[in-house]
Amino acid sequence: MKLQESGEMYLETILVLSERMPHVRSIDICEEMGYSKPSVSRAMSILRNNGYVIMDDSGYLHLTDSGMEVATKIYDRHNTLSAFLTWIGVDEETATDDACRIEHVISDETMAAIKACMEKNK
C-alpha cells in the first residue's frame, strides 16, 4: 500500500521521537507536529490497521518493520536533501523546510543522483 505524505510524516516523527525519548505516545506526536489529539488518534489507527505501527498495552507506539523501512527512507531523504540544499547555498532553515516537502515526492532515481553528486564532491 502506498502511503500518503501525511502517513510518511507521522512515521518519520515516530522515528525521530524514538531517538530522543525512551517511549513515544500519541500525545508526544501531537506536541511535536502541532496536531490535535483526534487527528493523531485517527492517523495512528490507520497506520496500525495497515501494519506500520503497533501500540503496546501501555499506549506506547512502535514502528513495525515496514513502518521502520518507510520512516528511515523518509528521514534519510530529509537529511540528505537538507544537506544538499545547504551545500548549494540555500540557508539552513529554508533548506530544512524545502527538504520536508521534497522528500515525499522525489524519485528514487533523482535521490540516488543527488547522493552520488554529494559523495563525488565531498
PDB file of N, CA and C in Angstrom:
ATOM      1  N   MET A   1       0.834  -1.192   0.000  1.00  0.00           N
ATOM      2  CA  MET A   1       0.000   0.000   0.000  1.00  0.00           C
ATOM      3  C   MET A   1       0.876   1.252   0.000  1.00  0.00           C
ATOM      4  N   LYS A   2       0.592   2.191  -0.864  1.00  0.00           N
ATOM      5  CA  LYS A   2       1.317   3.453  -0.956  1.00  0.00           C
ATOM      6  C   LYS A   2       0.776   4.409   0.095  1.00  0.00           C
ATOM      7  N   LEU A   3       1.660   4.873   0.947  1.00  0.00           N
ATOM      8  CA  LEU A   3       1.283   5.833   1.973  1.00  0.00           C
ATOM      9  C   LEU A   3       1.180   7.229   1.387  1.00  0.00           C
ATOM     10  N   GLN A   4       0.289   8.005   1.951  1.00  0.00           N
ATOM     11  CA  GLN A   4       0.232   9.410   1.584  1.00  0.00           C
ATOM     12  C   GLN A   4       1.307  10.158   2.361  1.00  0.00           C
ATOM     13  N   GLU A   5       1.567  11.382   1.956  1.00  0.00           N
ATOM     14  CA  GLU A   5       2.592  12.192   2.604  1.00  0.00           C
ATOM     15  C   GLU A   5       2.370  12.292   4.109  1.00  0.00           C
ATOM     16  N   SER A   6       1.133  12.455   4.534  1.00  0.00           N
ATOM     17  CA  SER A   6       0.863  12.605   5.973  1.00  0.00           C
ATOM     18  C   SER A   6       1.260  11.345   6.739  1.00  0.00           C
ATOM     19  N   GLY A   7       0.999  10.178   6.178  1.00  0.00           N
ATOM     20  CA  GLY A   7       1.393   8.931   6.828  1.00  0.00           C
ATOM     21  C   GLY A   7       2.898   8.826   6.950  1.00  0.00           C
ATOM     22  N   GLU A   8       3.604   9.225   5.898  1.00  0.00           N
ATOM     23  CA  GLU A   8       5.064   9.220   5.941  1.00  0.00           C
ATOM     24  C   GLU A   8       5.576  10.172   7.014  1.00  0.00           C
ATOM     25  N   MET A   9       4.941  11.324   7.130  1.00  0.00           N
ATOM     26  CA  MET A   9       5.355  12.307   8.144  1.00  0.00           C
ATOM     27  C   MET A   9       5.162  11.759   9.558  1.00  0.00           C
ATOM     28  N   TYR A  10       4.053  11.092   9.779  1.00  0.00           N
ATOM     29  CA  TYR A  10       3.815  10.501  11.102  1.00  0.00           C
ATOM     30  C   TYR A  10       4.879   9.450  11.421  1.00  0.00           C
ATOM     31  N   LEU A  11       5.179   8.592  10.475  1.00  0.00           N
ATOM     32  CA  LEU A  11       6.179   7.547  10.701  1.00  0.00           C
ATOM     33  C   LEU A  11       7.550   8.161  10.956  1.00  0.00           C
ATOM     34  N   GLU A  12       7.905   9.170  10.185  1.00  0.00           N
ATOM     35  CA  GLU A  12       9.179   9.855  10.384  1.00  0.00           C
ATOM     36  C   GLU A  12       9.222  10.504  11.772  1.00  0.00           C
ATOM     37  N   THR A  13       8.126  11.083  12.190  1.00  0.00           N
ATOM     38  CA  THR A  13       8.063  11.720  13.510  1.00  0.00           C
ATOM     39  C   THR A  13       8.231  10.695  14.627  1.00  0.00           C
ATOM     40  N   ILE A  14       7.600   9.541  14.487  1.00  0.00           N
ATOM     41  CA  ILE A  14       7.766   8.483  15.492  1.00  0.00           C
ATOM     42  C   ILE A  14       9.233   8.075  15.570  1.00  0.00           C
ATOM     43  N   LEU A  15       9.880   7.926  14.420  1.00  0.00           N
ATOM     44  CA  LEU A  15      11.297   7.559  14.388  1.00  0.00           C
ATOM     45  C   LEU A  15      12.143   8.613  15.098  1.00  0.00           C
ATOM     46  N   VAL A  16      11.941   9.871  14.756  1.00  0.00           N
ATOM     47  CA  VAL A  16      12.726  10.960  15.349  1.00  0.00           C
ATOM     48  C   VAL A  16      12.490  11.030  16.856  1.00  0.00           C
ATOM     49  N   LEU A  17      11.237  10.923  17.276  1.00  0.00           N
ATOM     50  CA  LEU A  17      10.935  10.966  18.708  1.00  0.00           C
ATOM     51  C   LEU A  17      11.544   9.775  19.445  1.00  0.00           C
ATOM     52  N   SER A  18      11.529   8.614  18.807  1.00  0.00           N
ATOM     53  CA  SER A  18      12.078   7.416  19.455  1.00  0.00           C
ATOM     54  C   SER A  18      13.588   7.519  19.645  1.00  0.00           C
ATOM     55  N   GLU A  19      14.239   8.373  18.863  1.00  0.00           N
ATOM     56  CA  GLU A  19      15.667   8.607  19.044  1.00  0.00           C
ATOM     57  C   GLU A  19      15.935   9.578  20.194  1.00  0.00           C
ATOM     58  N   ARG A  20      14.929  10.380  20.540  1.00  0.00           N
ATOM     59  CA  ARG A  20      15.083  11.378  21.603  1.00  0.00           C
ATOM     60  C   ARG A  20      14.548  10.931  22.952  1.00  0.00           C
ATOM     61  N   MET A  21      13.601   9.989  22.950  1.00  0.00           N
ATOM     62  CA  MET A  21      12.976   9.592  24.205  1.00  0.00           C
ATOM     63  C   MET A  21      12.787   8.082  24.250  1.00  0.00           C
ATOM     64  N   PRO A  22      12.669   7.523  25.447  1.00  0.00           N
ATOM     65  CA  PRO A  22      12.576   6.065  25.566  1.00  0.00           C
ATOM     66  C   PRO A  22      11.255   5.479  25.063  1.00  0.00           C
ATOM     67  N   HIS A  23      10.177   6.261  25.141  1.00  0.00           N
ATOM     68  CA  HIS A  23       8.862   5.790  24.713  1.00  0.00           C
ATOM     69  C   HIS A  23       8.145   6.906  23.972  1.00  0.00           C
ATOM     70  N   VAL A  24       7.393   6.531  22.948  1.00  0.00           N
ATOM     71  CA  VAL A  24       6.639   7.510  22.166  1.00  0.00           C
ATOM     72  C   VAL A  24       5.154   7.228  22.333  1.00  0.00           C
ATOM     73  N   ARG A  25       4.425   8.276  22.699  1.00  0.00           N
ATOM     74  CA  ARG A  25       2.971   8.181  22.825  1.00  0.00           C
ATOM     75  C   ARG A  25       2.325   9.113  21.808  1.00  0.00           C
ATOM     76  N   SER A  26       1.057   8.934  21.595  1.00  0.00           N
ATOM     77  CA  SER A  26       0.334   9.794  20.656  1.00  0.00           C
ATOM     78  C   SER A  26       0.441  11.257  21.056  1.00  0.00           C
ATOM     79  N   ILE A  27       0.383  11.541  22.355  1.00  0.00           N
ATOM     80  CA  ILE A  27       0.463  12.931  22.819  1.00  0.00           C
ATOM     81  C   ILE A  27       1.808  13.557  22.447  1.00  0.00           C
ATOM     82  N   ASP A  28       2.858  12.748  22.419  1.00  0.00           N
ATOM     83  CA  ASP A  28       4.175  13.254  22.013  1.00  0.00           C
ATOM     84  C   ASP A  28       4.150  13.686  20.554  1.00  0.00           C
ATOM     85  N   ILE A  29       3.450  12.920  19.742  1.00  0.00           N
ATOM     86  CA  ILE A  29       3.312  13.256  18.317  1.00  0.00           C
ATOM     87  C   ILE A  29       2.503  14.537  18.167  1.00  0.00           C
ATOM     88  N   CYS A  30       1.431  14.673  18.954  1.00  0.00           N
ATOM     89  CA  CYS A  30       0.625  15.902  18.930  1.00  0.00           C
ATOM     90  C   CYS A  30       1.498  17.116  19.198  1.00  0.00           C
ATOM     91  N   GLU A  31       2.301  17.014  20.234  1.00  0.00           N
ATOM     92  CA  GLU A  31       3.148  18.139  20.629  1.00  0.00           C
ATOM     93  C   GLU A  31       4.220  18.429  19.588  1.00  0.00           C
ATOM     94  N   GLU A  32       4.802  17.391  19.030  1.00  0.00           N
ATOM     95  CA  GLU A  32       5.878  17.562  18.048  1.00  0.00           C
ATOM     96  C   GLU A  32       5.363  18.154  16.736  1.00  0.00           C
ATOM     97  N   MET A  33       4.214  17.678  16.282  1.00  0.00           N
ATOM     98  CA  MET A  33       3.702  18.088  14.978  1.00  0.00           C
ATOM     99  C   MET A  33       2.703  19.241  15.052  1.00  0.00           C
ATOM    100  N   GLY A  34       2.210  19.521  16.263  1.00  0.00           N
ATOM    101  CA  GLY A  34       1.229  20.592  16.423  1.00  0.00           C
ATOM    102  C   GLY A  34      -0.161  20.212  15.949  1.00  0.00           C
ATOM    103  N   TYR A  35      -0.468  18.918  15.974  1.00  0.00           N
ATOM    104  CA  TYR A  35      -1.772  18.432  15.536  1.00  0.00           C
ATOM    105  C   TYR A  35      -2.649  18.128  16.745  1.00  0.00           C
ATOM    106  N   SER A  36      -3.939  18.074  16.515  1.00  0.00           N
ATOM    107  CA  SER A  36      -4.882  17.775  17.595  1.00  0.00           C
ATOM    108  C   SER A  36      -4.844  16.294  17.954  1.00  0.00           C
ATOM    109  N   LYS A  37      -5.297  15.982  19.165  1.00  0.00           N
ATOM    110  CA  LYS A  37      -5.353  14.585  19.609  1.00  0.00           C
ATOM    111  C   LYS A  37      -6.233  13.734  18.696  1.00  0.00           C
ATOM    112  N   PRO A  38      -7.429  14.221  18.299  1.00  0.00           N
ATOM    113  CA  PRO A  38      -8.255  13.401  17.398  1.00  0.00           C
ATOM    114  C   PRO A  38      -7.587  13.116  16.044  1.00  0.00           C
ATOM    115  N   SER A  39      -6.870  14.102  15.517  1.00  0.00           N
ATOM    116  CA  SER A  39      -6.186  13.899  14.232  1.00  0.00           C
ATOM    117  C   SER A  39      -5.104  12.836  14.351  1.00  0.00           C
ATOM    118  N   VAL A  40      -4.310  12.912  15.408  1.00  0.00           N
ATOM    119  CA  VAL A  40      -3.238  11.945  15.613  1.00  0.00           C
ATOM    120  C   VAL A  40      -3.814  10.568  15.908  1.00  0.00           C
ATOM    121  N   SER A  41      -4.869  10.523  16.701  1.00  0.00           N
ATOM    122  CA  SER A  41      -5.504   9.250  17.031  1.00  0.00           C
ATOM    123  C   SER A  41      -6.013   8.552  15.769  1.00  0.00           C
ATOM    124  N   ARG A  42      -6.638   9.312  14.896  1.00  0.00           N
ATOM    125  CA  ARG A  42      -7.149   8.751  13.635  1.00  0.00           C
ATOM    126  C   ARG A  42      -5.997   8.250  12.769  1.00  0.00           C
ATOM    127  N   ALA A  43      -4.947   9.040  12.682  1.00  0.00           N
ATOM    128  CA  ALA A  43      -3.791   8.641  11.868  1.00  0.00           C
ATOM    129  C   ALA A  43      -3.139   7.382  12.425  1.00  0.00           C
ATOM    130  N   MET A  44      -3.003   7.307  13.742  1.00  0.00           N
ATOM    131  CA  MET A  44      -2.381   6.123  14.344  1.00  0.00           C
ATOM    132  C   MET A  44      -3.238   4.884  14.105  1.00  0.00           C
ATOM    133  N   SER A  45      -4.534   5.056  14.130  1.00  0.00           N
ATOM    134  CA  SER A  45      -5.441   3.947  13.851  1.00  0.00           C
ATOM    135  C   SER A  45      -5.240   3.426  12.426  1.00  0.00           C
ATOM    136  N   ILE A  46      -5.133   4.330  11.494  1.00  0.00           N
ATOM    137  CA  ILE A  46      -4.911   3.953  10.092  1.00  0.00           C
ATOM    138  C   ILE A  46      -3.554   3.265   9.937  1.00  0.00           C
ATOM    139  N   LEU A  47      -2.530   3.833  10.563  1.00  0.00           N
ATOM    140  CA  LEU A  47      -1.191   3.240  10.460  1.00  0.00           C
ATOM    141  C   LEU A  47      -1.128   1.879  11.140  1.00  0.00           C
ATOM    142  N   ARG A  48      -1.843   1.714  12.246  1.00  0.00           N
ATOM    143  CA  ARG A  48      -1.895   0.397  12.903  1.00  0.00           C
ATOM    144  C   ARG A  48      -2.617  -0.604  12.016  1.00  0.00           C
ATOM    145  N   ASN A  49      -3.751  -0.213  11.470  1.00  0.00           N
ATOM    146  CA  ASN A  49      -4.544  -1.109  10.619  1.00  0.00           C
ATOM    147  C   ASN A  49      -3.792  -1.536   9.360  1.00  0.00           C
ATOM    148  N   ASN A  50      -2.859  -0.700   8.917  1.00  0.00           N
ATOM    149  CA  ASN A  50      -2.088  -1.020   7.721  1.00  0.00           C
ATOM    150  C   ASN A  50      -0.724  -1.634   8.042  1.00  0.00           C
ATOM    151  N   GLY A  51      -0.486  -1.922   9.321  1.00  0.00           N
ATOM    152  CA  GLY A  51       0.699  -2.656   9.710  1.00  0.00           C
ATOM    153  C   GLY A  51       1.986  -1.866   9.821  1.00  0.00           C
ATOM    154  N   TYR A  52       1.886  -0.550   9.970  1.00  0.00           N
ATOM    155  CA  TYR A  52       3.088   0.271  10.088  1.00  0.00           C
ATOM    156  C   TYR A  52       3.472   0.573  11.532  1.00  0.00           C
ATOM    157  N   VAL A  53       2.490   0.514  12.417  1.00  0.00           N
ATOM    158  CA  VAL A  53       2.696   0.890  13.810  1.00  0.00           C
ATOM    159  C   VAL A  53       1.958  -0.104  14.700  1.00  0.00           C
ATOM    160  N   ILE A  54       2.531  -0.384  15.864  1.00  0.00           N
ATOM    161  CA  ILE A  54       1.798  -1.136  16.879  1.00  0.00           C
ATOM    162  C   ILE A  54       1.778  -0.298  18.151  1.00  0.00           C
ATOM    163  N   MET A  55       0.744  -0.493  18.940  1.00  0.00           N
ATOM    164  CA  MET A  55       0.639   0.178  20.221  1.00  0.00           C
ATOM    165  C   MET A  55       0.621  -0.899  21.295  1.00  0.00           C
ATOM    166  N   ASP A  56       1.520  -0.784  22.274  1.00  0.00           N
ATOM    167  CA  ASP A  56       1.556  -1.793  23.327  1.00  0.00           C
ATOM    168  C   ASP A  56       0.517  -1.491  24.407  1.00  0.00           C
ATOM    169  N   ASP A  57       0.450  -2.344  25.414  1.00  0.00           N
ATOM    170  CA  ASP A  57      -0.555  -2.211  26.465  1.00  0.00           C
ATOM    171  C   ASP A  57      -0.417  -0.927  27.279  1.00  0.00           C
ATOM    172  N   SER A  58       0.759  -0.331  27.245  1.00  0.00           N
ATOM    173  CA  SER A  58       0.991   0.925  27.964  1.00  0.00           C
ATOM    174  C   SER A  58       0.684   2.150  27.111  1.00  0.00           C
ATOM    175  N   GLY A  59       0.280   1.925  25.869  1.00  0.00           N
ATOM    176  CA  GLY A  59      -0.036   3.037  24.972  1.00  0.00           C
ATOM    177  C   GLY A  59       1.164   3.590  24.232  1.00  0.00           C
ATOM    178  N   TYR A  60       2.288   2.880  24.299  1.00  0.00           N
ATOM    179  CA  TYR A  60       3.486   3.319  23.593  1.00  0.00           C
ATOM    180  C   TYR A  60       3.447   2.828  22.151  1.00  0.00           C
ATOM    181  N   LEU A  61       3.888   3.685  21.256  1.00  0.00           N
ATOM    182  CA  LEU A  61       3.888   3.378  19.828  1.00  0.00           C
ATOM    183  C   LEU A  61       5.245   2.838  19.400  1.00  0.00           C
ATOM    184  N   HIS A  62       5.214   1.841  18.533  1.00  0.00           N
ATOM    185  CA  HIS A  62       6.427   1.235  17.996  1.00  0.00           C
ATOM    186  C   HIS A  62       6.242   1.042  16.494  1.00  0.00           C
ATOM    187  N   LEU A  63       7.282   1.318  15.746  1.00  0.00           N
ATOM    188  CA  LEU A  63       7.236   1.075  14.309  1.00  0.00           C
ATOM    189  C   LEU A  63       7.417  -0.419  14.051  1.00  0.00           C
ATOM    190  N   THR A  64       6.624  -0.960  13.147  1.00  0.00           N
ATOM    191  CA  THR A  64       6.839  -2.334  12.694  1.00  0.00           C
ATOM    192  C   THR A  64       8.012  -2.309  11.709  1.00  0.00           C
ATOM    193  N   ASP A  65       8.407  -3.457  11.212  1.00  0.00           N
ATOM    194  CA  ASP A  65       9.493  -3.495  10.229  1.00  0.00           C
ATOM    195  C   ASP A  65       9.145  -2.648   9.003  1.00  0.00           C
ATOM    196  N   SER A  66       7.908  -2.762   8.523  1.00  0.00           N
ATOM    197  CA  SER A  66       7.531  -1.974   7.339  1.00  0.00           C
ATOM    198  C   SER A  66       7.433  -0.489   7.688  1.00  0.00           C
ATOM    199  N   GLY A  67       6.984  -0.169   8.895  1.00  0.00           N
ATOM    200  CA  GLY A  67       6.944   1.223   9.332  1.00  0.00           C
ATOM    201  C   GLY A  67       8.336   1.808   9.454  1.00  0.00           C
ATOM    202  N   MET A  68       9.253   1.014   9.993  1.00  0.00           N
ATOM    203  CA  MET A  68      10.646   1.458  10.137  1.00  0.00           C
ATOM    204  C   MET A  68      11.289   1.663   8.771  1.00  0.00           C
ATOM    205  N   GLU A  69      10.973   0.795   7.832  1.00  0.00           N
ATOM    206  CA  GLU A  69      11.528   0.922   6.476  1.00  0.00           C
ATOM    207  C   GLU A  69      11.112   2.249   5.845  1.00  0.00           C
ATOM    208  N   VAL A  70       9.832   2.580   5.936  1.00  0.00           N
ATOM    209  CA  VAL A  70       9.337   3.842   5.376  1.00  0.00           C
ATOM    210  C   VAL A  70       9.941   5.018   6.134  1.00  0.00           C
ATOM    211  N   ALA A  71       9.922   4.961   7.454  1.00  0.00           N
ATOM    212  CA  ALA A  71      10.406   6.073   8.273  1.00  0.00           C
ATOM    213  C   ALA A  71      11.885   6.363   8.015  1.00  0.00           C
ATOM    214  N   THR A  72      12.704   5.319   7.950  1.00  0.00           N
ATOM    215  CA  THR A  72      14.138   5.546   7.733  1.00  0.00           C
ATOM    216  C   THR A  72      14.407   6.069   6.322  1.00  0.00           C
ATOM    217  N   LYS A  73      13.634   5.614   5.353  1.00  0.00           N
ATOM    218  CA  LYS A  73      13.803   6.122   3.985  1.00  0.00           C
ATOM    219  C   LYS A  73      13.477   7.611   3.928  1.00  0.00           C
ATOM    220  N   ILE A  74      12.368   8.001   4.523  1.00  0.00           N
ATOM    221  CA  ILE A  74      11.955   9.407   4.504  1.00  0.00           C
ATOM    222  C   ILE A  74      12.941  10.262   5.296  1.00  0.00           C
ATOM    223  N   TYR A  75      13.359   9.767   6.459  1.00  0.00           N
ATOM    224  CA  TYR A  75      14.291  10.517   7.301  1.00  0.00           C
ATOM    225  C   TYR A  75      15.644  10.681   6.595  1.00  0.00           C
ATOM    226  N   ASP A  76      16.106   9.635   5.923  1.00  0.00           N
ATOM    227  CA  ASP A  76      17.346   9.729   5.159  1.00  0.00           C
ATOM    228  C   ASP A  76      17.201  10.741   4.029  1.00  0.00           C
ATOM    229  N   ARG A  77      16.085  10.702   3.340  1.00  0.00           N
ATOM    230  CA  ARG A  77      15.842  11.666   2.270  1.00  0.00           C
ATOM    231  C   ARG A  77      15.864  13.087   2.833  1.00  0.00           C
ATOM    232  N   HIS A  78      15.197  13.281   3.956  1.00  0.00           N
ATOM    233  CA  HIS A  78      15.134  14.601   4.580  1.00  0.00           C
ATOM    234  C   HIS A  78      16.538  15.116   4.899  1.00  0.00           C
ATOM    235  N   ASN A  79      17.341  14.276   5.549  1.00  0.00           N
ATOM    236  CA  ASN A  79      18.692  14.687   5.922  1.00  0.00           C
ATOM    237  C   ASN A  79      19.566  14.943   4.704  1.00  0.00           C
ATOM    238  N   THR A  80      19.468  14.072   3.717  1.00  0.00           N
ATOM    239  CA  THR A  80      20.272  14.230   2.502  1.00  0.00           C
ATOM    240  C   THR A  80      19.869  15.486   1.743  1.00  0.00           C
ATOM    241  N   LEU A  81      18.572  15.685   1.571  1.00  0.00           N
ATOM    242  CA  LEU A  81      18.104  16.866   0.844  1.00  0.00           C
ATOM    243  C   LEU A  81      18.442  18.154   1.583  1.00  0.00           C
ATOM    244  N   SER A  82      18.302  18.150   2.908  1.00  0.00           N
ATOM    245  CA  SER A  82      18.675  19.337   3.696  1.00  0.00           C
ATOM    246  C   SER A  82      20.150  19.664   3.499  1.00  0.00           C
ATOM    247  N   ALA A  83      20.985  18.642   3.568  1.00  0.00           N
ATOM    248  CA  ALA A  83      22.430  18.841   3.382  1.00  0.00           C
ATOM    249  C   ALA A  83      22.746  19.320   1.967  1.00  0.00           C
ATOM    250  N   PHE A  84      22.093  18.723   0.982  1.00  0.00           N
ATOM    251  CA  PHE A  84      22.330  19.100  -0.412  1.00  0.00           C
ATOM    252  C   PHE A  84      21.931  20.555  -0.660  1.00  0.00           C
ATOM    253  N   LEU A  85      20.755  20.923  -0.202  1.00  0.00           N
ATOM    254  CA  LEU A  85      20.279  22.292  -0.428  1.00  0.00           C
ATOM    255  C   LEU A  85      21.167  23.311   0.283  1.00  0.00           C
ATOM    256  N   THR A  86      21.619  22.969   1.471  1.00  0.00           N
ATOM    257  CA  THR A  86      22.541  23.843   2.191  1.00  0.00           C
ATOM    258  C   THR A  86      23.867  23.935   1.440  1.00  0.00           C
ATOM    259  N   TRP A  87      24.325  22.791   0.931  1.00  0.00           N
ATOM    260  CA  TRP A  87      25.580  22.725   0.182  1.00  0.00           C
ATOM    261  C   TRP A  87      25.557  23.630  -1.049  1.00  0.00           C
ATOM    262  N   ILE A  88      24.398  23.739  -1.706  1.00  0.00           N
ATOM    263  CA  ILE A  88      24.321  24.576  -2.907  1.00  0.00           C
ATOM    264  C   ILE A  88      23.988  26.032  -2.589  1.00  0.00           C
ATOM    265  N   GLY A  89      23.924  26.366  -1.281  1.00  0.00           N
ATOM    266  CA  GLY A  89      23.796  27.767  -0.914  1.00  0.00           C
ATOM    267  C   GLY A  89      22.470  28.198  -0.317  1.00  0.00           C
ATOM    268  N   VAL A  90      21.551  27.298  -0.128  1.00  0.00           N
ATOM    269  CA  VAL A  90      20.263  27.642   0.482  1.00  0.00           C
ATOM    270  C   VAL A  90      20.478  27.762   1.995  1.00  0.00           C
ATOM    271  N   ASP A  91      19.864  28.781   2.612  1.00  0.00           N
ATOM    272  CA  ASP A  91      20.051  28.916   4.060  1.00  0.00           C
ATOM    273  C   ASP A  91      19.413  27.716   4.770  1.00  0.00           C
ATOM    274  N   GLU A  92      19.933  27.407   5.951  1.00  0.00           N
ATOM    275  CA  GLU A  92      19.588  26.168   6.651  1.00  0.00           C
ATOM    276  C   GLU A  92      18.088  26.011   6.920  1.00  0.00           C
ATOM    277  N   GLU A  93      17.441  27.065   7.369  1.00  0.00           N
ATOM    278  CA  GLU A  93      16.008  26.975   7.676  1.00  0.00           C
ATOM    279  C   GLU A  93      15.179  26.688   6.422  1.00  0.00           C
ATOM    280  N   THR A  94      15.477  27.398   5.354  1.00  0.00           N
ATOM    281  CA  THR A  94      14.767  27.172   4.091  1.00  0.00           C
ATOM    282  C   THR A  94      15.062  25.778   3.557  1.00  0.00           C
ATOM    283  N   ALA A  95      16.310  25.356   3.647  1.00  0.00           N
ATOM    284  CA  ALA A  95      16.698  24.023   3.170  1.00  0.00           C
ATOM    285  C   ALA A  95      15.926  22.939   3.916  1.00  0.00           C
ATOM    286  N   THR A  96      15.814  23.092   5.217  1.00  0.00           N
ATOM    287  CA  THR A  96      15.082  22.110   6.031  1.00  0.00           C
ATOM    288  C   THR A  96      13.602  22.096   5.663  1.00  0.00           C
ATOM    289  N   ASP A  97      13.012  23.276   5.518  1.00  0.00           N
ATOM    290  CA  ASP A  97      11.594  23.362   5.149  1.00  0.00           C
ATOM    291  C   ASP A  97      11.337  22.775   3.766  1.00  0.00           C
ATOM    292  N   ASP A  98      12.192  23.112   2.806  1.00  0.00           N
ATOM    293  CA  ASP A  98      12.022  22.587   1.448  1.00  0.00           C
ATOM    294  C   ASP A  98      12.234  21.084   1.400  1.00  0.00           C
ATOM    295  N   ALA A  99      13.236  20.595   2.116  1.00  0.00           N
ATOM    296  CA  ALA A  99      13.512  19.152   2.153  1.00  0.00           C
ATOM    297  C   ALA A  99      12.306  18.397   2.678  1.00  0.00           C
ATOM    298  N   CYS A 100      11.620  18.981   3.651  1.00  0.00           N
ATOM    299  CA  CYS A 100      10.446  18.339   4.246  1.00  0.00           C
ATOM    300  C   CYS A 100       9.336  18.139   3.207  1.00  0.00           C
ATOM    301  N   ARG A 101       9.252  19.042   2.261  1.00  0.00           N
ATOM    302  CA  ARG A 101       8.235  18.908   1.210  1.00  0.00           C
ATOM    303  C   ARG A 101       8.714  17.993   0.077  1.00  0.00           C
ATOM    304  N   ILE A 102       9.956  18.168  -0.318  1.00  0.00           N
ATOM    305  CA  ILE A 102      10.509  17.422  -1.453  1.00  0.00           C
ATOM    306  C   ILE A 102      10.636  15.932  -1.149  1.00  0.00           C
ATOM    307  N   GLU A 103      10.970  15.585   0.088  1.00  0.00           N
ATOM    308  CA  GLU A 103      11.272  14.192   0.460  1.00  0.00           C
ATOM    309  C   GLU A 103      10.158  13.213   0.120  1.00  0.00           C
ATOM    310  N   HIS A 104       8.947  13.697  -0.004  1.00  0.00           N
ATOM    311  CA  HIS A 104       7.801  12.819  -0.238  1.00  0.00           C
ATOM    312  C   HIS A 104       7.509  12.578  -1.717  1.00  0.00           C
ATOM    313  N   VAL A 105       8.072  13.413  -2.574  1.00  0.00           N
ATOM    314  CA  VAL A 105       7.726  13.307  -3.999  1.00  0.00           C
ATOM    315  C   VAL A 105       8.904  13.000  -4.915  1.00  0.00           C
ATOM    316  N   ILE A 106      10.108  13.141  -4.412  1.00  0.00           N
ATOM    317  CA  ILE A 106      11.293  12.936  -5.247  1.00  0.00           C
ATOM    318  C   ILE A 106      11.423  11.453  -5.619  1.00  0.00           C
ATOM    319  N   SER A 107      11.855  11.196  -6.821  1.00  0.00           N
ATOM    320  CA  SER A 107      12.010   9.810  -7.273  1.00  0.00           C
ATOM    321  C   SER A 107      13.265   9.184  -6.667  1.00  0.00           C
ATOM    322  N   ASP A 108      13.274   7.874  -6.630  1.00  0.00           N
ATOM    323  CA  ASP A 108      14.455   7.150  -6.152  1.00  0.00           C
ATOM    324  C   ASP A 108      15.657   7.450  -7.045  1.00  0.00           C
ATOM    325  N   GLU A 109      15.417   7.579  -8.345  1.00  0.00           N
ATOM    326  CA  GLU A 109      16.496   7.857  -9.293  1.00  0.00           C
ATOM    327  C   GLU A 109      17.139   9.208  -9.010  1.00  0.00           C
ATOM    328  N   THR A 110      16.323  10.228  -8.818  1.00  0.00           N
ATOM    329  CA  THR A 110      16.854  11.559  -8.537  1.00  0.00           C
ATOM    330  C   THR A 110      17.563  11.587  -7.186  1.00  0.00           C
ATOM    331  N   MET A 111      16.981  10.894  -6.207  1.00  0.00           N
ATOM    332  CA  MET A 111      17.597  10.837  -4.882  1.00  0.00           C
ATOM    333  C   MET A 111      18.980  10.185  -4.967  1.00  0.00           C
ATOM    334  N   ALA A 112      19.086   9.112  -5.731  1.00  0.00           N
ATOM    335  CA  ALA A 112      20.368   8.428  -5.895  1.00  0.00           C
ATOM    336  C   ALA A 112      21.382   9.341  -6.585  1.00  0.00           C
ATOM    337  N   ALA A 113      20.931  10.118  -7.566  1.00  0.00           N
ATOM    338  CA  ALA A 113      21.830  11.030  -8.273  1.00  0.00           C
ATOM    339  C   ALA A 113      22.330  12.135  -7.348  1.00  0.00           C
ATOM    340  N   ILE A 114      21.470  12.645  -6.488  1.00  0.00           N
ATOM    341  CA  ILE A 114      21.876  13.676  -5.518  1.00  0.00           C
ATOM    342  C   ILE A 114      22.911  13.101  -4.559  1.00  0.00           C
ATOM    343  N   LYS A 115      22.648  11.897  -4.061  1.00  0.00           N
ATOM    344  CA  LYS A 115      23.603  11.255  -3.148  1.00  0.00           C
ATOM    345  C   LYS A 115      24.951  11.041  -3.845  1.00  0.00           C
ATOM    346  N   ALA A 116      24.931  10.580  -5.087  1.00  0.00           N
ATOM    347  CA  ALA A 116      26.168  10.342  -5.836  1.00  0.00           C
ATOM    348  C   ALA A 116      26.931  11.645  -6.058  1.00  0.00           C
ATOM    349  N   CYS A 117      26.218  12.694  -6.387  1.00  0.00           N
ATOM    350  CA  CYS A 117      26.830  14.000  -6.599  1.00  0.00           C
ATOM    351  C   CYS A 117      27.494  14.498  -5.321  1.00  0.00           C
ATOM    352  N   MET A 118      26.798  14.351  -4.200  1.00  0.00           N
ATOM    353  CA  MET A 118      27.361  14.800  -2.925  1.00  0.00           C
ATOM    354  C   MET A 118      28.580  13.973  -2.545  1.00  0.00           C
ATOM    355  N   GLU A 119      28.503  12.681  -2.770  1.00  0.00           N
ATOM    356  CA  GLU A 119      29.621  11.773  -2.441  1.00  0.00           C
ATOM    357  C   GLU A 119      30.846  12.128  -3.300  1.00  0.00           C
ATOM    358  N   LYS A 120      30.597  12.362  -4.570  1.00  0.00           N
ATOM    359  CA  LYS A 120      31.674  12.678  -5.512  1.00  0.00           C
ATOM    360  C   LYS A 120      32.360  13.994  -5.159  1.00  0.00           C
ATOM    361  N   ASN A 121      31.607  14.941  -4.617  1.00  0.00           N
ATOM    362  CA  ASN A 121      32.133  16.274  -4.365  1.00  0.00           C
ATOM    363  C   ASN A 121      32.427  16.560  -2.894  1.00  0.00           C
ATOM    364  N   LYS A 122      32.624  15.522  -2.109  1.00  0.00           N
ATOM    365  CA  LYS A 122      32.949  15.727  -0.693  1.00  0.00           C
ATOM    366  C   LYS A 122      34.289  16.368  -0.535  1.00  0.00           C
TER     367      LYS A 122
END
